[in-house]
Amino acid sequence: MRDIAKAKQTLFDCGGDESISISTDYEAILKDESINSVLELMGGVTPAKYDVFVALEAGKHVITASKALLAAFLPEIIDLLAQHPSAKLCFEAAVCGGIPIVRS
């Protein structure tokens, strides 16, 4: 969501706390050492690749639903994870109308 006011309202409607910070500035999120996990839901490969790679290089955990990113760059992602063992990559995705088949 690029509309912060709408994102905050959605968060609060779902029971979110006012102390939760919302940002559309990817660079600030990636550089903030107090953030240890990044949820990537952009889809596709670009700019998701940059954000996922920078987050892993910073030792942040990454959660993604991007099958295209994993298919295109899995060897490089595995190398990054080996270089930064404190970071984890988690993924789950639905295809075929909601049937979870990436990880069952």
C-alpha atoms as a PDB file:
ATOM      1  CA  MET A   1       0.000   0.000   0.000  1.00  0.00           C
ATOM      2  CA  ARG A   2       1.371   3.364  -0.878  1.00  0.00           C
ATOM      3  CA  ASP A   3      -1.274   5.344   1.013  1.00  0.00           C
ATOM      4  CA  ILE A   4       0.004   5.407   4.595  1.00  0.00           C
ATOM      5  CA  ALA A   5      -3.305   6.685   5.988  1.00  0.00           C
ATOM      6  CA  LYS A   6      -5.159   3.797   4.330  1.00  0.00           C
ATOM      7  CA  ALA A   7      -2.561   1.295   5.559  1.00  0.00           C
ATOM      8  CA  LYS A   8      -2.829   2.590   9.124  1.00  0.00           C
ATOM      9  CA  GLN A   9      -6.626   2.393   9.006  1.00  0.00           C
ATOM     10  CA  THR A  10      -6.426  -1.183   7.695  1.00  0.00           C
ATOM     11  CA  LEU A  11      -3.943  -2.067  10.433  1.00  0.00           C
ATOM     12  CA  PHE A  12      -6.142  -0.591  13.159  1.00  0.00           C
ATOM     13  CA  ASP A  13      -9.254  -2.258  11.707  1.00  0.00           C
ATOM     14  CA  CYS A  14      -7.418  -5.572  12.102  1.00  0.00           C
ATOM     15  CA  GLY A  15      -6.569  -4.860  15.734  1.00  0.00           C
ATOM     16  CA  GLY A  16      -3.154  -3.279  15.160  1.00  0.00           C
ATOM     17  CA  ASP A  17      -1.472  -1.140  17.753  1.00  0.00           C
ATOM     18  CA  GLU A  18      -0.860   2.616  17.281  1.00  0.00           C
ATOM     19  CA  SER A  19       2.796   2.078  18.163  1.00  0.00           C
ATOM     20  CA  ILE A  20       3.350   0.142  14.916  1.00  0.00           C
ATOM     21  CA  SER A  21       5.240   2.225  12.401  1.00  0.00           C
ATOM     22  CA  ILE A  22       4.312   2.148   8.711  1.00  0.00           C
ATOM     23  CA  SER A  23       6.626   3.377   5.979  1.00  0.00           C
ATOM     24  CA  THR A  24       6.794   3.401   2.196  1.00  0.00           C
ATOM     25  CA  ASP A  25      10.518   4.217   2.229  1.00  0.00           C
ATOM     26  CA  TYR A  26      12.218   0.906   1.352  1.00  0.00           C
ATOM     27  CA  GLU A  27      15.704   2.284   1.916  1.00  0.00           C
ATOM     28  CA  ALA A  28      14.835   3.419   5.434  1.00  0.00           C
ATOM     29  CA  ILE A  29      13.411  -0.011   6.230  1.00  0.00           C
ATOM     30  CA  LEU A  30      16.430  -1.828   4.810  1.00  0.00           C
ATOM     31  CA  LYS A  31      18.907   0.392   6.687  1.00  0.00           C
ATOM     32  CA  ASP A  32      17.057   0.406  10.022  1.00  0.00           C
ATOM     33  CA  GLU A  33      18.986  -1.955  12.306  1.00  0.00           C
ATOM     34  CA  SER A  34      16.023  -2.267  14.670  1.00  0.00           C
ATOM     35  CA  ILE A  35      14.026  -4.031  11.932  1.00  0.00           C
ATOM     36  CA  ASN A  36      14.967  -7.706  11.772  1.00  0.00           C
ATOM     37  CA  SER A  37      12.359  -9.010   9.311  1.00  0.00           C
ATOM     38  CA  VAL A  38      11.069  -7.864   5.930  1.00  0.00           C
ATOM     39  CA  LEU A  39       7.837  -9.045   4.355  1.00  0.00           C
ATOM     40  CA  GLU A  40       8.131  -8.715   0.564  1.00  0.00           C
ATOM     41  CA  LEU A  41       4.822  -8.821  -1.285  1.00  0.00           C
ATOM     42  CA  MET A  42       5.638  -6.767  -4.377  1.00  0.00           C
ATOM     43  CA  GLY A  43       5.672  -9.787  -6.617  1.00  0.00           C
ATOM     44  CA  GLY A  44       7.622 -10.144  -9.797  1.00  0.00           C
ATOM     45  CA  VAL A  45      11.362  -9.777  -9.852  1.00  0.00           C
ATOM     46  CA  THR A  46      12.226  -6.070  -9.910  1.00  0.00           C
ATOM     47  CA  PRO A  47      12.393  -4.159  -7.522  1.00  0.00           C
ATOM     48  CA  ALA A  48      11.712  -7.120  -5.229  1.00  0.00           C
ATOM     49  CA  LYS A  49      15.121  -8.643  -6.030  1.00  0.00           C
ATOM     50  CA  TYR A  50      16.984  -5.564  -4.814  1.00  0.00           C
ATOM     51  CA  ASP A  51      15.012  -5.339  -1.577  1.00  0.00           C
ATOM     52  CA  VAL A  52      15.284  -9.062  -0.800  1.00  0.00           C
ATOM     53  CA  PHE A  53      19.014  -9.167  -1.547  1.00  0.00           C
ATOM     54  CA  VAL A  54      19.792  -6.031   0.503  1.00  0.00           C
ATOM     55  CA  ALA A  55      17.700  -7.321   3.409  1.00  0.00           C
ATOM     56  CA  LEU A  56      19.490 -10.691   3.402  1.00  0.00           C
ATOM     57  CA  GLU A  57      22.880  -8.970   3.131  1.00  0.00           C
ATOM     58  CA  ALA A  58      21.910  -6.930   6.196  1.00  0.00           C
ATOM     59  CA  GLY A  59      21.119 -10.146   8.066  1.00  0.00           C
ATOM     60  CA  LYS A  60      17.362  -9.547   8.069  1.00  0.00           C
ATOM     61  CA  HIS A  61      14.871 -12.369   7.751  1.00  0.00           C
ATOM     62  CA  VAL A  62      12.811 -12.221   4.559  1.00  0.00           C
ATOM     63  CA  ILE A  63       9.328 -13.575   3.998  1.00  0.00           C
ATOM     64  CA  THR A  64       8.176 -13.632   0.384  1.00  0.00           C
ATOM     65  CA  ALA A  65       5.374 -14.976  -1.760  1.00  0.00           C
ATOM     66  CA  SER A  66       7.248 -14.240  -4.995  1.00  0.00           C
ATOM     67  CA  LYS A  67       7.590 -17.442  -6.968  1.00  0.00           C
ATOM     68  CA  ALA A  68       9.117 -15.521  -9.880  1.00  0.00           C
ATOM     69  CA  LEU A  69      11.906 -14.163  -7.682  1.00  0.00           C
ATOM     70  CA  LEU A  70      12.691 -17.593  -6.259  1.00  0.00           C
ATOM     71  CA  ALA A  71      12.622 -19.236  -9.689  1.00  0.00           C
ATOM     72  CA  ALA A  72      14.894 -16.616 -11.245  1.00  0.00           C
ATOM     73  CA  PHE A  73      17.439 -16.184  -8.447  1.00  0.00           C
ATOM     74  CA  LEU A  74      17.364 -19.200  -6.134  1.00  0.00           C
ATOM     75  CA  PRO A  75      21.086 -20.080  -6.561  1.00  0.00           C
ATOM     76  CA  GLU A  76      22.098 -16.497  -5.728  1.00  0.00           C
ATOM     77  CA  ILE A  77      19.693 -16.418  -2.778  1.00  0.00           C
ATOM     78  CA  ILE A  78      21.136 -19.678  -1.443  1.00  0.00           C
ATOM     79  CA  ASP A  79      24.636 -18.165  -1.702  1.00  0.00           C
ATOM     80  CA  LEU A  80      23.489 -15.054   0.194  1.00  0.00           C
ATOM     81  CA  LEU A  81      21.966 -17.201   2.922  1.00  0.00           C
ATOM     82  CA  ALA A  82      25.221 -19.142   3.230  1.00  0.00           C
ATOM     83  CA  GLN A  83      27.150 -15.858   3.564  1.00  0.00           C
ATOM     84  CA  HIS A  84      24.680 -14.503   6.137  1.00  0.00           C
ATOM     85  CA  PRO A  85      23.676 -17.507   8.266  1.00  0.00           C
ATOM     86  CA  SER A  86      21.707 -15.413  10.759  1.00  0.00           C
ATOM     87  CA  ALA A  87      19.221 -14.468   8.019  1.00  0.00           C
ATOM     88  CA  LYS A  88      16.377 -16.757   7.029  1.00  0.00           C
ATOM     89  CA  LEU A  89      14.259 -16.849   3.897  1.00  0.00           C
ATOM     90  CA  CYS A  90      10.702 -18.037   4.380  1.00  0.00           C
ATOM     91  CA  PHE A  91       8.180 -18.431   1.611  1.00  0.00           C
ATOM     92  CA  GLU A  92       4.683 -19.593   1.001  1.00  0.00           C
ATOM     93  CA  ALA A  93       2.597 -18.990  -2.031  1.00  0.00           C
ATOM     94  CA  ALA A  94      -0.719 -20.088  -3.372  1.00  0.00           C
ATOM     95  CA  VAL A  95      -1.348 -21.061  -6.958  1.00  0.00           C
ATOM     96  CA  CYS A  96      -4.302 -22.660  -8.696  1.00  0.00           C
ATOM     97  CA  GLY A  97      -6.846 -20.490  -6.921  1.00  0.00           C
ATOM     98  CA  GLY A  98      -5.565 -20.870  -3.388  1.00  0.00           C
ATOM     99  CA  ILE A  99      -4.078 -24.366  -3.220  1.00  0.00           C
ATOM    100  CA  PRO A 100      -0.803 -24.088  -1.250  1.00  0.00           C
ATOM    101  CA  ILE A 101       1.710 -26.191  -3.180  1.00  0.00           C
ATOM    102  CA  VAL A 102       5.064 -24.450  -2.656  1.00  0.00           C
ATOM    103  CA  ARG A 103       5.226 -25.825   0.880  1.00  0.00           C
ATOM    104  CA  SER A 104       2.643 -28.257   2.121  1.00  0.00           C
END
